[in-house]
Amino acid sequence: MSALTPWMDRLPLVAILRGISPDAAVAVGEALVAAGFAIIEVPLNSPSPFDSIERLAKALGERALVGAGTVMTSEAVDQVAAVGGRLIVMPHGDATVIRAAKAAGLLSIPGFATATEAFAALDAGADALKLFPAEAAPPPVLRALRAVLPKTVPVLPVGGIAPESMAAYWAAGASGFGLGSALYKPGDAPDAVLHKATAFRQAFEALQGTVAV
């Protein structure tokens, strides 16, 4: 069992806080946890992202898995680890970055768009796969990929996911989802994030009992 599994079991929705500032991070993180979220990423193209990651990791502790998104280099992996982040999410499948994450004891979710990229990422040690951008990979594409990928590997569509679009991906074999601007936009108040996060959680819970392929 991957160390990612317990977090996915809580709620397999990844909150992507692109553009968040360090001063806003903890309040938004608390709102997400209150809504039932357990996985939070701060993309590294956000303002002072390592500061935000450190604050979130310290404030949330074992209540949430906190890490970084848009991780492009091994050096960035080391910086994430140094501030207490435990998750490395990537838009691509650079094997060097995946291996650096695993060497640092961190969880790795690289991006992929093809079967070739998926198997290369798994060979490098990926804990799960991020189907990105989901807008370019509709549910029939995921269904075809799922036919060849190992059943135990979590696949999370990311990009343009809304509460109403999850059902088709779930039926095609999605294991969870990464949620971006439909969940959080820079400047959103914690109450607004709580409201949107709750709507996503309820939409996901409604899928439980439906059969994934």
N, C-alpha and C. Protein backbone atom coordinates (compact mmCIF):
# COMPACT_ATOMS: atom_id res chain seq x y z
N MET A 1 0.84 -1.21 0.00
CA MET A 1 0.00 0.00 0.00
C MET A 1 0.87 1.25 0.00
N SER A 2 0.57 2.18 -0.87
CA SER A 2 1.31 3.44 -0.93
C SER A 2 0.97 4.29 0.29
N ALA A 3 1.93 5.12 0.68
CA ALA A 3 1.69 6.07 1.77
C ALA A 3 0.64 7.11 1.38
N LEU A 4 0.33 7.17 0.09
CA LEU A 4 -0.73 8.09 -0.35
C LEU A 4 -2.12 7.55 -0.03
N THR A 5 -2.24 6.24 0.09
CA THR A 5 -3.56 5.60 0.22
C THR A 5 -4.39 6.14 1.39
N PRO A 6 -3.85 6.28 2.59
CA PRO A 6 -4.69 6.78 3.69
C PRO A 6 -5.26 8.17 3.43
N TRP A 7 -4.51 9.00 2.75
CA TRP A 7 -5.01 10.34 2.43
C TRP A 7 -6.09 10.28 1.37
N MET A 8 -5.89 9.43 0.37
CA MET A 8 -6.91 9.25 -0.66
C MET A 8 -8.17 8.64 -0.07
N ASP A 9 -8.00 7.76 0.92
CA ASP A 9 -9.16 7.14 1.55
C ASP A 9 -10.01 8.17 2.30
N ARG A 10 -9.38 9.19 2.83
CA ARG A 10 -10.14 10.23 3.53
C ARG A 10 -11.04 10.99 2.55
N LEU A 11 -10.42 11.49 1.49
CA LEU A 11 -11.14 12.16 0.40
C LEU A 11 -10.15 12.35 -0.74
N PRO A 12 -10.36 11.71 -1.89
CA PRO A 12 -9.38 11.76 -2.96
C PRO A 12 -9.52 12.99 -3.87
N LEU A 13 -9.68 14.13 -3.24
CA LEU A 13 -9.76 15.40 -3.97
C LEU A 13 -8.58 16.26 -3.52
N VAL A 14 -7.78 16.70 -4.48
CA VAL A 14 -6.61 17.52 -4.19
C VAL A 14 -6.96 18.98 -4.41
N ALA A 15 -6.81 19.77 -3.35
CA ALA A 15 -7.07 21.21 -3.44
C ALA A 15 -5.83 21.90 -3.97
N ILE A 16 -5.96 22.57 -5.11
CA ILE A 16 -4.83 23.26 -5.75
C ILE A 16 -4.99 24.76 -5.48
N LEU A 17 -4.10 25.29 -4.64
CA LEU A 17 -4.22 26.69 -4.21
C LEU A 17 -3.29 27.58 -5.02
N ARG A 18 -3.50 27.61 -6.31
CA ARG A 18 -2.64 28.42 -7.17
C ARG A 18 -2.88 29.90 -6.92
N GLY A 19 -1.78 30.61 -6.66
CA GLY A 19 -1.86 32.04 -6.46
C GLY A 19 -2.09 32.48 -5.03
N ILE A 20 -2.18 31.53 -4.11
CA ILE A 20 -2.43 31.91 -2.72
C ILE A 20 -1.20 32.59 -2.13
N SER A 21 -1.45 33.51 -1.20
CA SER A 21 -0.36 34.19 -0.50
C SER A 21 -0.14 33.53 0.86
N PRO A 22 1.05 33.65 1.41
CA PRO A 22 1.31 33.05 2.72
C PRO A 22 0.35 33.52 3.81
N ASP A 23 -0.01 34.79 3.78
CA ASP A 23 -0.90 35.30 4.83
C ASP A 23 -2.31 34.72 4.74
N ALA A 24 -2.70 34.27 3.56
CA ALA A 24 -4.04 33.70 3.38
C ALA A 24 -4.05 32.19 3.52
N ALA A 25 -2.88 31.56 3.49
CA ALA A 25 -2.81 30.11 3.33
C ALA A 25 -3.47 29.34 4.47
N VAL A 26 -3.16 29.70 5.71
CA VAL A 26 -3.64 28.88 6.82
C VAL A 26 -5.16 28.96 6.96
N ALA A 27 -5.72 30.13 6.82
CA ALA A 27 -7.18 30.26 6.94
C ALA A 27 -7.89 29.47 5.85
N VAL A 28 -7.36 29.50 4.64
CA VAL A 28 -7.96 28.73 3.55
C VAL A 28 -7.75 27.23 3.80
N GLY A 29 -6.58 26.86 4.28
CA GLY A 29 -6.33 25.46 4.60
C GLY A 29 -7.28 24.94 5.67
N GLU A 30 -7.52 25.74 6.68
CA GLU A 30 -8.46 25.34 7.74
C GLU A 30 -9.87 25.17 7.17
N ALA A 31 -10.26 26.03 6.24
CA ALA A 31 -11.58 25.91 5.62
C ALA A 31 -11.68 24.61 4.83
N LEU A 32 -10.61 24.26 4.13
CA LEU A 32 -10.61 23.02 3.35
C LEU A 32 -10.72 21.80 4.26
N VAL A 33 -9.97 21.80 5.34
CA VAL A 33 -10.02 20.68 6.28
C VAL A 33 -11.42 20.59 6.90
N ALA A 34 -12.00 21.72 7.20
CA ALA A 34 -13.35 21.72 7.77
C ALA A 34 -14.36 21.12 6.80
N ALA A 35 -14.10 21.26 5.50
CA ALA A 35 -14.99 20.70 4.49
C ALA A 35 -14.72 19.22 4.21
N GLY A 36 -13.68 18.68 4.83
CA GLY A 36 -13.36 17.27 4.66
C GLY A 36 -12.18 16.98 3.77
N PHE A 37 -11.52 18.01 3.25
CA PHE A 37 -10.36 17.80 2.38
C PHE A 37 -9.16 17.34 3.20
N ALA A 38 -8.31 16.53 2.58
CA ALA A 38 -7.14 16.00 3.27
C ALA A 38 -5.85 16.18 2.49
N ILE A 39 -5.92 16.66 1.24
CA ILE A 39 -4.73 16.82 0.40
C ILE A 39 -4.73 18.23 -0.18
N ILE A 40 -3.64 18.96 0.06
CA ILE A 40 -3.54 20.36 -0.37
C ILE A 40 -2.20 20.58 -1.05
N GLU A 41 -2.22 21.21 -2.21
CA GLU A 41 -0.97 21.57 -2.88
C GLU A 41 -0.93 23.06 -3.15
N VAL A 42 0.25 23.63 -2.99
CA VAL A 42 0.51 25.03 -3.34
C VAL A 42 1.43 25.03 -4.56
N PRO A 43 0.94 25.42 -5.72
CA PRO A 43 1.80 25.46 -6.90
C PRO A 43 2.97 26.43 -6.69
N LEU A 44 4.12 26.06 -7.21
CA LEU A 44 5.32 26.86 -6.97
C LEU A 44 5.36 28.15 -7.79
N ASN A 45 4.39 28.37 -8.67
CA ASN A 45 4.31 29.67 -9.34
C ASN A 45 3.35 30.61 -8.60
N SER A 46 3.10 30.32 -7.32
CA SER A 46 2.34 31.20 -6.44
C SER A 46 3.31 32.13 -5.71
N PRO A 47 2.82 33.21 -5.11
CA PRO A 47 3.70 34.12 -4.36
C PRO A 47 4.30 33.42 -3.13
N SER A 48 5.61 33.47 -2.98
CA SER A 48 6.30 32.90 -1.81
C SER A 48 5.74 31.51 -1.45
N PRO A 49 5.77 30.57 -2.39
CA PRO A 49 5.09 29.29 -2.16
C PRO A 49 5.67 28.47 -1.01
N PHE A 50 6.99 28.53 -0.82
CA PHE A 50 7.58 27.72 0.25
C PHE A 50 7.15 28.22 1.62
N ASP A 51 6.94 29.52 1.74
CA ASP A 51 6.42 30.09 2.98
C ASP A 51 5.01 29.56 3.24
N SER A 52 4.17 29.56 2.20
CA SER A 52 2.80 29.05 2.35
C SER A 52 2.80 27.58 2.74
N ILE A 53 3.65 26.78 2.07
CA ILE A 53 3.72 25.35 2.36
C ILE A 53 4.14 25.13 3.80
N GLU A 54 5.14 25.87 4.26
CA GLU A 54 5.61 25.71 5.63
C GLU A 54 4.52 26.06 6.64
N ARG A 55 3.82 27.16 6.40
CA ARG A 55 2.76 27.57 7.31
C ARG A 55 1.63 26.53 7.34
N LEU A 56 1.25 26.05 6.17
CA LEU A 56 0.18 25.05 6.12
C LEU A 56 0.60 23.75 6.80
N ALA A 57 1.82 23.30 6.54
CA ALA A 57 2.28 22.04 7.12
C ALA A 57 2.31 22.13 8.65
N LYS A 58 2.77 23.26 9.17
CA LYS A 58 2.84 23.43 10.62
C LYS A 58 1.45 23.54 11.23
N ALA A 59 0.55 24.28 10.57
CA ALA A 59 -0.78 24.52 11.14
C ALA A 59 -1.67 23.29 11.06
N LEU A 60 -1.56 22.53 9.98
CA LEU A 60 -2.49 21.42 9.76
C LEU A 60 -1.96 20.08 10.24
N GLY A 61 -0.65 19.94 10.34
CA GLY A 61 -0.07 18.70 10.85
C GLY A 61 -0.60 17.47 10.13
N GLU A 62 -1.07 16.50 10.91
CA GLU A 62 -1.58 15.26 10.34
C GLU A 62 -3.03 15.37 9.87
N ARG A 63 -3.59 16.53 9.96
CA ARG A 63 -4.95 16.71 9.44
C ARG A 63 -4.97 16.81 7.92
N ALA A 64 -3.83 17.09 7.32
CA ALA A 64 -3.79 17.21 5.86
C ALA A 64 -2.40 16.88 5.34
N LEU A 65 -2.36 16.32 4.15
CA LEU A 65 -1.13 16.10 3.41
C LEU A 65 -0.88 17.38 2.60
N VAL A 66 0.20 18.07 2.91
CA VAL A 66 0.50 19.36 2.29
C VAL A 66 1.74 19.23 1.43
N GLY A 67 1.70 19.80 0.25
CA GLY A 67 2.87 19.76 -0.62
C GLY A 67 2.82 20.82 -1.69
N ALA A 68 3.57 20.58 -2.74
CA ALA A 68 3.74 21.56 -3.80
C ALA A 68 3.26 21.03 -5.14
N GLY A 69 2.78 21.96 -5.97
CA GLY A 69 2.44 21.65 -7.35
C GLY A 69 3.34 22.45 -8.28
N THR A 70 3.26 22.12 -9.58
CA THR A 70 4.10 22.78 -10.60
C THR A 70 5.57 22.69 -10.20
N VAL A 71 5.98 21.51 -9.76
CA VAL A 71 7.37 21.27 -9.38
C VAL A 71 8.14 20.82 -10.62
N MET A 72 9.18 21.56 -10.95
CA MET A 72 9.86 21.35 -12.23
C MET A 72 11.29 20.84 -12.09
N THR A 73 11.89 20.94 -10.89
CA THR A 73 13.30 20.60 -10.73
C THR A 73 13.55 19.80 -9.45
N SER A 74 14.66 19.10 -9.42
CA SER A 74 15.05 18.38 -8.22
C SER A 74 15.37 19.34 -7.08
N GLU A 75 15.90 20.50 -7.43
CA GLU A 75 16.22 21.50 -6.40
C GLU A 75 14.94 21.96 -5.70
N ALA A 76 13.87 22.11 -6.45
CA ALA A 76 12.59 22.51 -5.85
C ALA A 76 12.07 21.42 -4.93
N VAL A 77 12.28 20.16 -5.28
CA VAL A 77 11.88 19.05 -4.41
C VAL A 77 12.56 19.20 -3.05
N ASP A 78 13.85 19.48 -3.07
CA ASP A 78 14.59 19.63 -1.81
C ASP A 78 14.06 20.80 -0.99
N GLN A 79 13.69 21.88 -1.66
CA GLN A 79 13.14 23.04 -0.95
C GLN A 79 11.79 22.71 -0.30
N VAL A 80 10.98 21.95 -1.02
CA VAL A 80 9.68 21.54 -0.47
C VAL A 80 9.89 20.68 0.78
N ALA A 81 10.80 19.72 0.68
CA ALA A 81 11.08 18.86 1.82
C ALA A 81 11.59 19.66 3.01
N ALA A 82 12.40 20.67 2.75
CA ALA A 82 13.02 21.46 3.82
C ALA A 82 12.00 22.24 4.63
N VAL A 83 10.84 22.58 4.02
CA VAL A 83 9.82 23.36 4.74
C VAL A 83 8.68 22.49 5.25
N GLY A 84 8.84 21.18 5.14
CA GLY A 84 7.84 20.29 5.70
C GLY A 84 6.79 19.78 4.74
N GLY A 85 6.92 20.09 3.45
CA GLY A 85 6.00 19.54 2.46
C GLY A 85 6.25 18.06 2.26
N ARG A 86 5.19 17.32 1.96
CA ARG A 86 5.32 15.87 1.82
C ARG A 86 4.82 15.35 0.48
N LEU A 87 4.41 16.24 -0.41
CA LEU A 87 3.82 15.84 -1.68
C LEU A 87 4.40 16.67 -2.81
N ILE A 88 4.77 16.00 -3.90
CA ILE A 88 5.29 16.66 -5.09
C ILE A 88 4.34 16.36 -6.26
N VAL A 89 3.69 17.40 -6.76
CA VAL A 89 2.79 17.27 -7.91
C VAL A 89 3.42 18.02 -9.08
N MET A 90 3.38 17.39 -10.24
CA MET A 90 4.06 17.93 -11.42
C MET A 90 3.09 18.01 -12.59
N PRO A 91 3.31 18.96 -13.52
CA PRO A 91 2.49 19.00 -14.73
C PRO A 91 2.99 18.03 -15.79
N HIS A 92 4.17 17.47 -15.55
CA HIS A 92 4.84 16.61 -16.53
C HIS A 92 5.36 15.37 -15.82
N GLY A 93 6.11 14.56 -16.55
CA GLY A 93 6.57 13.29 -16.00
C GLY A 93 8.07 13.14 -15.98
N ASP A 94 8.79 14.19 -15.65
CA ASP A 94 10.25 14.16 -15.62
C ASP A 94 10.72 13.12 -14.60
N ALA A 95 11.36 12.07 -15.07
CA ALA A 95 11.78 10.98 -14.19
C ALA A 95 12.79 11.46 -13.15
N THR A 96 13.60 12.44 -13.49
CA THR A 96 14.59 12.95 -12.53
C THR A 96 13.90 13.57 -11.32
N VAL A 97 12.83 14.30 -11.56
CA VAL A 97 12.10 14.94 -10.47
C VAL A 97 11.35 13.90 -9.65
N ILE A 98 10.76 12.92 -10.31
CA ILE A 98 10.06 11.85 -9.60
C ILE A 98 11.03 11.11 -8.68
N ARG A 99 12.19 10.76 -9.21
CA ARG A 99 13.17 10.03 -8.40
C ARG A 99 13.69 10.89 -7.25
N ALA A 100 13.84 12.19 -7.48
CA ALA A 100 14.28 13.08 -6.41
C ALA A 100 13.24 13.12 -5.30
N ALA A 101 11.97 13.14 -5.66
CA ALA A 101 10.90 13.14 -4.66
C ALA A 101 10.95 11.87 -3.83
N LYS A 102 11.10 10.73 -4.48
CA LYS A 102 11.14 9.47 -3.74
C LYS A 102 12.39 9.37 -2.88
N ALA A 103 13.52 9.86 -3.39
CA ALA A 103 14.76 9.84 -2.61
C ALA A 103 14.65 10.70 -1.35
N ALA A 104 13.83 11.75 -1.44
CA ALA A 104 13.62 12.65 -0.29
C ALA A 104 12.53 12.14 0.64
N GLY A 105 11.92 11.01 0.30
CA GLY A 105 10.87 10.46 1.14
C GLY A 105 9.52 11.11 0.94
N LEU A 106 9.33 11.76 -0.21
CA LEU A 106 8.08 12.45 -0.49
C LEU A 106 7.21 11.64 -1.45
N LEU A 107 5.93 11.93 -1.44
CA LEU A 107 5.00 11.32 -2.38
C LEU A 107 5.05 12.08 -3.71
N SER A 108 4.85 11.36 -4.79
CA SER A 108 4.99 11.95 -6.13
C SER A 108 3.77 11.67 -6.99
N ILE A 109 3.20 12.74 -7.54
CA ILE A 109 2.09 12.61 -8.49
C ILE A 109 2.46 13.40 -9.74
N PRO A 110 3.11 12.76 -10.71
CA PRO A 110 3.47 13.45 -11.95
C PRO A 110 2.31 13.50 -12.93
N GLY A 111 2.42 14.42 -13.87
CA GLY A 111 1.42 14.54 -14.91
C GLY A 111 1.72 13.62 -16.08
N PHE A 112 0.65 13.22 -16.78
CA PHE A 112 0.82 12.41 -17.98
C PHE A 112 -0.37 12.66 -18.90
N ALA A 113 -0.16 12.36 -20.19
CA ALA A 113 -1.24 12.48 -21.16
C ALA A 113 -1.34 11.25 -22.05
N THR A 114 -0.32 10.39 -22.02
CA THR A 114 -0.31 9.21 -22.88
C THR A 114 0.11 7.98 -22.06
N ALA A 115 -0.14 6.81 -22.60
CA ALA A 115 0.26 5.58 -21.95
C ALA A 115 1.78 5.51 -21.79
N THR A 116 2.51 5.97 -22.79
CA THR A 116 3.97 5.97 -22.72
C THR A 116 4.45 6.80 -21.54
N GLU A 117 3.90 7.99 -21.38
CA GLU A 117 4.28 8.85 -20.25
C GLU A 117 3.89 8.23 -18.92
N ALA A 118 2.73 7.60 -18.88
CA ALA A 118 2.26 6.99 -17.63
C ALA A 118 3.20 5.88 -17.17
N PHE A 119 3.56 4.99 -18.06
CA PHE A 119 4.41 3.87 -17.67
C PHE A 119 5.83 4.33 -17.33
N ALA A 120 6.31 5.36 -18.01
CA ALA A 120 7.63 5.90 -17.67
C ALA A 120 7.62 6.51 -16.26
N ALA A 121 6.54 7.20 -15.92
CA ALA A 121 6.42 7.80 -14.59
C ALA A 121 6.33 6.72 -13.51
N LEU A 122 5.59 5.67 -13.78
CA LEU A 122 5.48 4.58 -12.82
C LEU A 122 6.82 3.88 -12.63
N ASP A 123 7.56 3.71 -13.71
CA ASP A 123 8.87 3.09 -13.64
C ASP A 123 9.83 3.92 -12.78
N ALA A 124 9.63 5.25 -12.78
CA ALA A 124 10.48 6.14 -11.99
C ALA A 124 10.06 6.19 -10.52
N GLY A 125 8.89 5.62 -10.20
CA GLY A 125 8.49 5.55 -8.80
C GLY A 125 7.26 6.34 -8.42
N ALA A 126 6.49 6.83 -9.39
CA ALA A 126 5.30 7.63 -9.08
C ALA A 126 4.33 6.88 -8.19
N ASP A 127 3.74 7.60 -7.24
CA ASP A 127 2.74 7.01 -6.35
C ASP A 127 1.34 7.05 -6.95
N ALA A 128 1.09 8.00 -7.83
CA ALA A 128 -0.19 8.15 -8.52
C ALA A 128 0.08 8.94 -9.78
N LEU A 129 -0.92 9.06 -10.62
CA LEU A 129 -0.77 9.76 -11.89
C LEU A 129 -1.82 10.86 -12.04
N LYS A 130 -1.38 11.98 -12.56
CA LYS A 130 -2.25 13.14 -12.79
C LYS A 130 -2.53 13.24 -14.29
N LEU A 131 -3.76 12.97 -14.69
CA LEU A 131 -4.14 13.08 -16.10
C LEU A 131 -4.35 14.56 -16.41
N PHE A 132 -3.41 15.13 -17.19
CA PHE A 132 -3.38 16.58 -17.38
C PHE A 132 -2.96 16.94 -18.79
N PRO A 133 -3.65 17.94 -19.38
CA PRO A 133 -4.87 18.59 -18.88
C PRO A 133 -6.11 17.76 -19.21
N ALA A 134 -6.99 17.65 -18.25
CA ALA A 134 -8.17 16.82 -18.44
C ALA A 134 -9.06 17.34 -19.56
N GLU A 135 -9.00 18.64 -19.82
CA GLU A 135 -9.80 19.19 -20.92
C GLU A 135 -9.44 18.53 -22.26
N ALA A 136 -8.18 18.09 -22.37
CA ALA A 136 -7.73 17.45 -23.62
C ALA A 136 -7.83 15.92 -23.55
N ALA A 137 -8.30 15.41 -22.42
CA ALA A 137 -8.42 13.96 -22.24
C ALA A 137 -9.78 13.65 -21.64
N PRO A 138 -10.82 13.65 -22.46
CA PRO A 138 -12.17 13.40 -21.95
C PRO A 138 -12.32 11.97 -21.43
N PRO A 139 -13.44 11.67 -20.78
CA PRO A 139 -13.60 10.34 -20.16
C PRO A 139 -13.30 9.15 -21.06
N PRO A 140 -13.67 9.15 -22.36
CA PRO A 140 -13.31 7.98 -23.17
C PRO A 140 -11.80 7.73 -23.25
N VAL A 141 -11.01 8.80 -23.21
CA VAL A 141 -9.55 8.65 -23.22
C VAL A 141 -9.10 7.99 -21.92
N LEU A 142 -9.63 8.46 -20.79
CA LEU A 142 -9.29 7.85 -19.51
C LEU A 142 -9.69 6.37 -19.49
N ARG A 143 -10.85 6.07 -20.01
CA ARG A 143 -11.30 4.67 -20.03
C ARG A 143 -10.31 3.79 -20.81
N ALA A 144 -9.83 4.29 -21.93
CA ALA A 144 -8.88 3.52 -22.74
C ALA A 144 -7.55 3.35 -22.01
N LEU A 145 -7.10 4.41 -21.33
CA LEU A 145 -5.85 4.32 -20.57
C LEU A 145 -6.00 3.35 -19.41
N ARG A 146 -7.15 3.39 -18.76
CA ARG A 146 -7.39 2.52 -17.62
C ARG A 146 -7.35 1.04 -18.01
N ALA A 147 -7.63 0.75 -19.27
CA ALA A 147 -7.62 -0.64 -19.73
C ALA A 147 -6.22 -1.24 -19.71
N VAL A 148 -5.19 -0.38 -19.73
CA VAL A 148 -3.81 -0.88 -19.77
C VAL A 148 -3.01 -0.53 -18.52
N LEU A 149 -3.43 0.46 -17.77
CA LEU A 149 -2.69 0.84 -16.56
C LEU A 149 -2.99 -0.14 -15.42
N PRO A 150 -2.05 -0.32 -14.50
CA PRO A 150 -2.31 -1.19 -13.35
C PRO A 150 -3.52 -0.70 -12.56
N LYS A 151 -4.37 -1.63 -12.17
CA LYS A 151 -5.61 -1.26 -11.47
C LYS A 151 -5.35 -0.57 -10.15
N THR A 152 -4.20 -0.85 -9.54
CA THR A 152 -3.91 -0.30 -8.22
C THR A 152 -3.36 1.12 -8.27
N VAL A 153 -3.06 1.63 -9.46
CA VAL A 153 -2.47 2.96 -9.57
C VAL A 153 -3.57 4.02 -9.60
N PRO A 154 -3.58 4.95 -8.64
CA PRO A 154 -4.58 6.02 -8.69
C PRO A 154 -4.33 6.96 -9.86
N VAL A 155 -5.40 7.31 -10.55
CA VAL A 155 -5.34 8.28 -11.65
C VAL A 155 -6.29 9.42 -11.33
N LEU A 156 -5.75 10.65 -11.33
CA LEU A 156 -6.55 11.82 -10.97
C LEU A 156 -6.60 12.81 -12.13
N PRO A 157 -7.75 12.96 -12.79
CA PRO A 157 -7.87 14.01 -13.80
C PRO A 157 -7.74 15.39 -13.16
N VAL A 158 -7.04 16.28 -13.85
CA VAL A 158 -6.83 17.64 -13.36
C VAL A 158 -6.94 18.60 -14.54
N GLY A 159 -7.69 19.67 -14.33
CA GLY A 159 -7.84 20.68 -15.38
C GLY A 159 -9.28 20.84 -15.79
N GLY A 160 -9.91 21.90 -15.33
CA GLY A 160 -11.29 22.16 -15.71
C GLY A 160 -12.32 21.30 -15.01
N ILE A 161 -11.94 20.65 -13.92
CA ILE A 161 -12.88 19.78 -13.21
C ILE A 161 -13.85 20.62 -12.39
N ALA A 162 -15.13 20.34 -12.53
CA ALA A 162 -16.20 21.00 -11.77
C ALA A 162 -17.04 19.91 -11.11
N PRO A 163 -17.84 20.26 -10.11
CA PRO A 163 -18.65 19.22 -9.45
C PRO A 163 -19.47 18.39 -10.43
N GLU A 164 -20.00 19.04 -11.46
CA GLU A 164 -20.88 18.32 -12.38
C GLU A 164 -20.12 17.49 -13.42
N SER A 165 -18.81 17.66 -13.51
CA SER A 165 -18.05 16.90 -14.52
C SER A 165 -17.38 15.65 -13.94
N MET A 166 -17.47 15.46 -12.64
CA MET A 166 -16.76 14.33 -12.03
C MET A 166 -17.38 12.98 -12.36
N ALA A 167 -18.68 12.92 -12.50
CA ALA A 167 -19.34 11.62 -12.65
C ALA A 167 -18.85 10.86 -13.88
N ALA A 168 -18.70 11.54 -14.99
CA ALA A 168 -18.28 10.84 -16.22
C ALA A 168 -16.86 10.30 -16.08
N TYR A 169 -15.98 11.09 -15.46
CA TYR A 169 -14.61 10.61 -15.25
C TYR A 169 -14.58 9.46 -14.24
N TRP A 170 -15.40 9.56 -13.20
CA TRP A 170 -15.47 8.48 -12.21
C TRP A 170 -15.91 7.17 -12.87
N ALA A 171 -16.92 7.24 -13.72
CA ALA A 171 -17.40 6.05 -14.41
C ALA A 171 -16.34 5.48 -15.35
N ALA A 172 -15.43 6.35 -15.82
CA ALA A 172 -14.37 5.90 -16.73
C ALA A 172 -13.16 5.36 -15.99
N GLY A 173 -13.16 5.46 -14.66
CA GLY A 173 -12.06 4.88 -13.90
C GLY A 173 -11.21 5.83 -13.10
N ALA A 174 -11.62 7.09 -12.95
CA ALA A 174 -10.86 8.04 -12.13
C ALA A 174 -10.85 7.58 -10.68
N SER A 175 -9.74 7.84 -10.01
CA SER A 175 -9.59 7.49 -8.59
C SER A 175 -9.84 8.68 -7.69
N GLY A 176 -9.79 9.87 -8.26
CA GLY A 176 -9.96 11.12 -7.53
C GLY A 176 -9.76 12.25 -8.51
N PHE A 177 -9.60 13.47 -7.99
CA PHE A 177 -9.51 14.64 -8.87
C PHE A 177 -8.62 15.71 -8.25
N GLY A 178 -7.98 16.48 -9.11
CA GLY A 178 -7.31 17.70 -8.69
C GLY A 178 -8.19 18.87 -9.06
N LEU A 179 -8.39 19.77 -8.09
CA LEU A 179 -9.35 20.86 -8.25
C LEU A 179 -8.64 22.20 -8.18
N GLY A 180 -8.78 22.98 -9.25
CA GLY A 180 -8.08 24.25 -9.32
C GLY A 180 -8.99 25.45 -9.13
N SER A 181 -9.16 26.22 -10.20
CA SER A 181 -9.84 27.50 -10.08
C SER A 181 -11.31 27.38 -9.73
N ALA A 182 -11.91 26.23 -9.97
CA ALA A 182 -13.31 26.05 -9.56
C ALA A 182 -13.44 25.91 -8.05
N LEU A 183 -12.32 25.64 -7.39
CA LEU A 183 -12.31 25.53 -5.92
C LEU A 183 -11.72 26.76 -5.27
N TYR A 184 -10.61 27.25 -5.81
CA TYR A 184 -9.95 28.40 -5.21
C TYR A 184 -9.38 29.32 -6.27
N LYS A 185 -9.65 30.61 -6.10
CA LYS A 185 -9.02 31.65 -6.90
C LYS A 185 -8.39 32.64 -5.94
N PRO A 186 -7.26 33.24 -6.31
CA PRO A 186 -6.59 34.19 -5.42
C PRO A 186 -7.56 35.28 -4.94
N GLY A 187 -7.56 35.48 -3.64
CA GLY A 187 -8.44 36.47 -3.05
C GLY A 187 -9.72 35.91 -2.48
N ASP A 188 -10.02 34.64 -2.78
CA ASP A 188 -11.23 34.02 -2.22
C ASP A 188 -11.17 34.01 -0.70
N ALA A 189 -12.25 34.40 -0.06
CA ALA A 189 -12.33 34.35 1.39
C ALA A 189 -12.48 32.90 1.86
N PRO A 190 -12.02 32.60 3.07
CA PRO A 190 -12.16 31.23 3.58
C PRO A 190 -13.59 30.72 3.55
N ASP A 191 -14.57 31.56 3.84
CA ASP A 191 -15.96 31.11 3.81
C ASP A 191 -16.38 30.68 2.41
N ALA A 192 -15.90 31.42 1.41
CA ALA A 192 -16.23 31.06 0.02
C ALA A 192 -15.58 29.73 -0.36
N VAL A 193 -14.35 29.53 0.10
CA VAL A 193 -13.66 28.27 -0.17
C VAL A 193 -14.37 27.12 0.53
N LEU A 194 -14.80 27.35 1.76
CA LEU A 194 -15.54 26.32 2.49
C LEU A 194 -16.80 25.92 1.73
N HIS A 195 -17.51 26.90 1.20
CA HIS A 195 -18.74 26.63 0.46
C HIS A 195 -18.45 25.80 -0.79
N LYS A 196 -17.44 26.20 -1.55
CA LYS A 196 -17.12 25.48 -2.78
C LYS A 196 -16.56 24.09 -2.48
N ALA A 197 -15.72 24.00 -1.44
CA ALA A 197 -15.15 22.71 -1.08
C ALA A 197 -16.24 21.73 -0.64
N THR A 198 -17.21 22.24 0.09
CA THR A 198 -18.32 21.38 0.53
C THR A 198 -19.12 20.89 -0.66
N ALA A 199 -19.33 21.76 -1.65
CA ALA A 199 -20.06 21.35 -2.85
C ALA A 199 -19.32 20.26 -3.60
N PHE A 200 -17.99 20.38 -3.69
CA PHE A 200 -17.20 19.33 -4.35
C PHE A 200 -17.28 18.03 -3.56
N ARG A 201 -17.14 18.11 -2.23
CA ARG A 201 -17.19 16.89 -1.43
C ARG A 201 -18.54 16.20 -1.57
N GLN A 202 -19.61 16.97 -1.52
CA GLN A 202 -20.94 16.38 -1.65
C GLN A 202 -21.13 15.75 -3.02
N ALA A 203 -20.63 16.41 -4.07
CA ALA A 203 -20.74 15.84 -5.41
C ALA A 203 -19.95 14.55 -5.52
N PHE A 204 -18.79 14.51 -4.87
CA PHE A 204 -18.00 13.29 -4.91
C PHE A 204 -18.68 12.18 -4.12
N GLU A 205 -19.18 12.51 -2.95
CA GLU A 205 -19.86 11.49 -2.13
C GLU A 205 -21.06 10.90 -2.85
N ALA A 206 -21.68 11.69 -3.70
CA ALA A 206 -22.82 11.18 -4.47
C ALA A 206 -22.40 10.12 -5.47
N LEU A 207 -21.10 10.12 -5.81
CA LEU A 207 -20.60 9.11 -6.74
C LEU A 207 -20.35 7.78 -6.07
N GLN A 208 -20.18 7.78 -4.76
CA GLN A 208 -19.93 6.54 -4.04
C GLN A 208 -21.11 5.60 -4.23
N GLY A 209 -20.82 4.39 -4.56
CA GLY A 209 -21.91 3.45 -4.86
C GLY A 209 -22.12 3.29 -6.35
N THR A 210 -21.62 4.27 -7.14
CA THR A 210 -21.62 4.07 -8.58
C THR A 210 -20.37 3.26 -8.90
N VAL A 211 -20.38 2.55 -9.99
CA VAL A 211 -19.30 1.60 -10.29
C VAL A 211 -18.31 2.21 -11.24
N ALA A 212 -17.06 2.27 -10.82
CA ALA A 212 -15.98 2.69 -11.71
C ALA A 212 -15.49 1.49 -12.51
N VAL A 213 -15.07 1.74 -13.71
CA VAL A 213 -14.58 0.66 -14.59
C VAL A 213 -13.22 0.18 -14.13
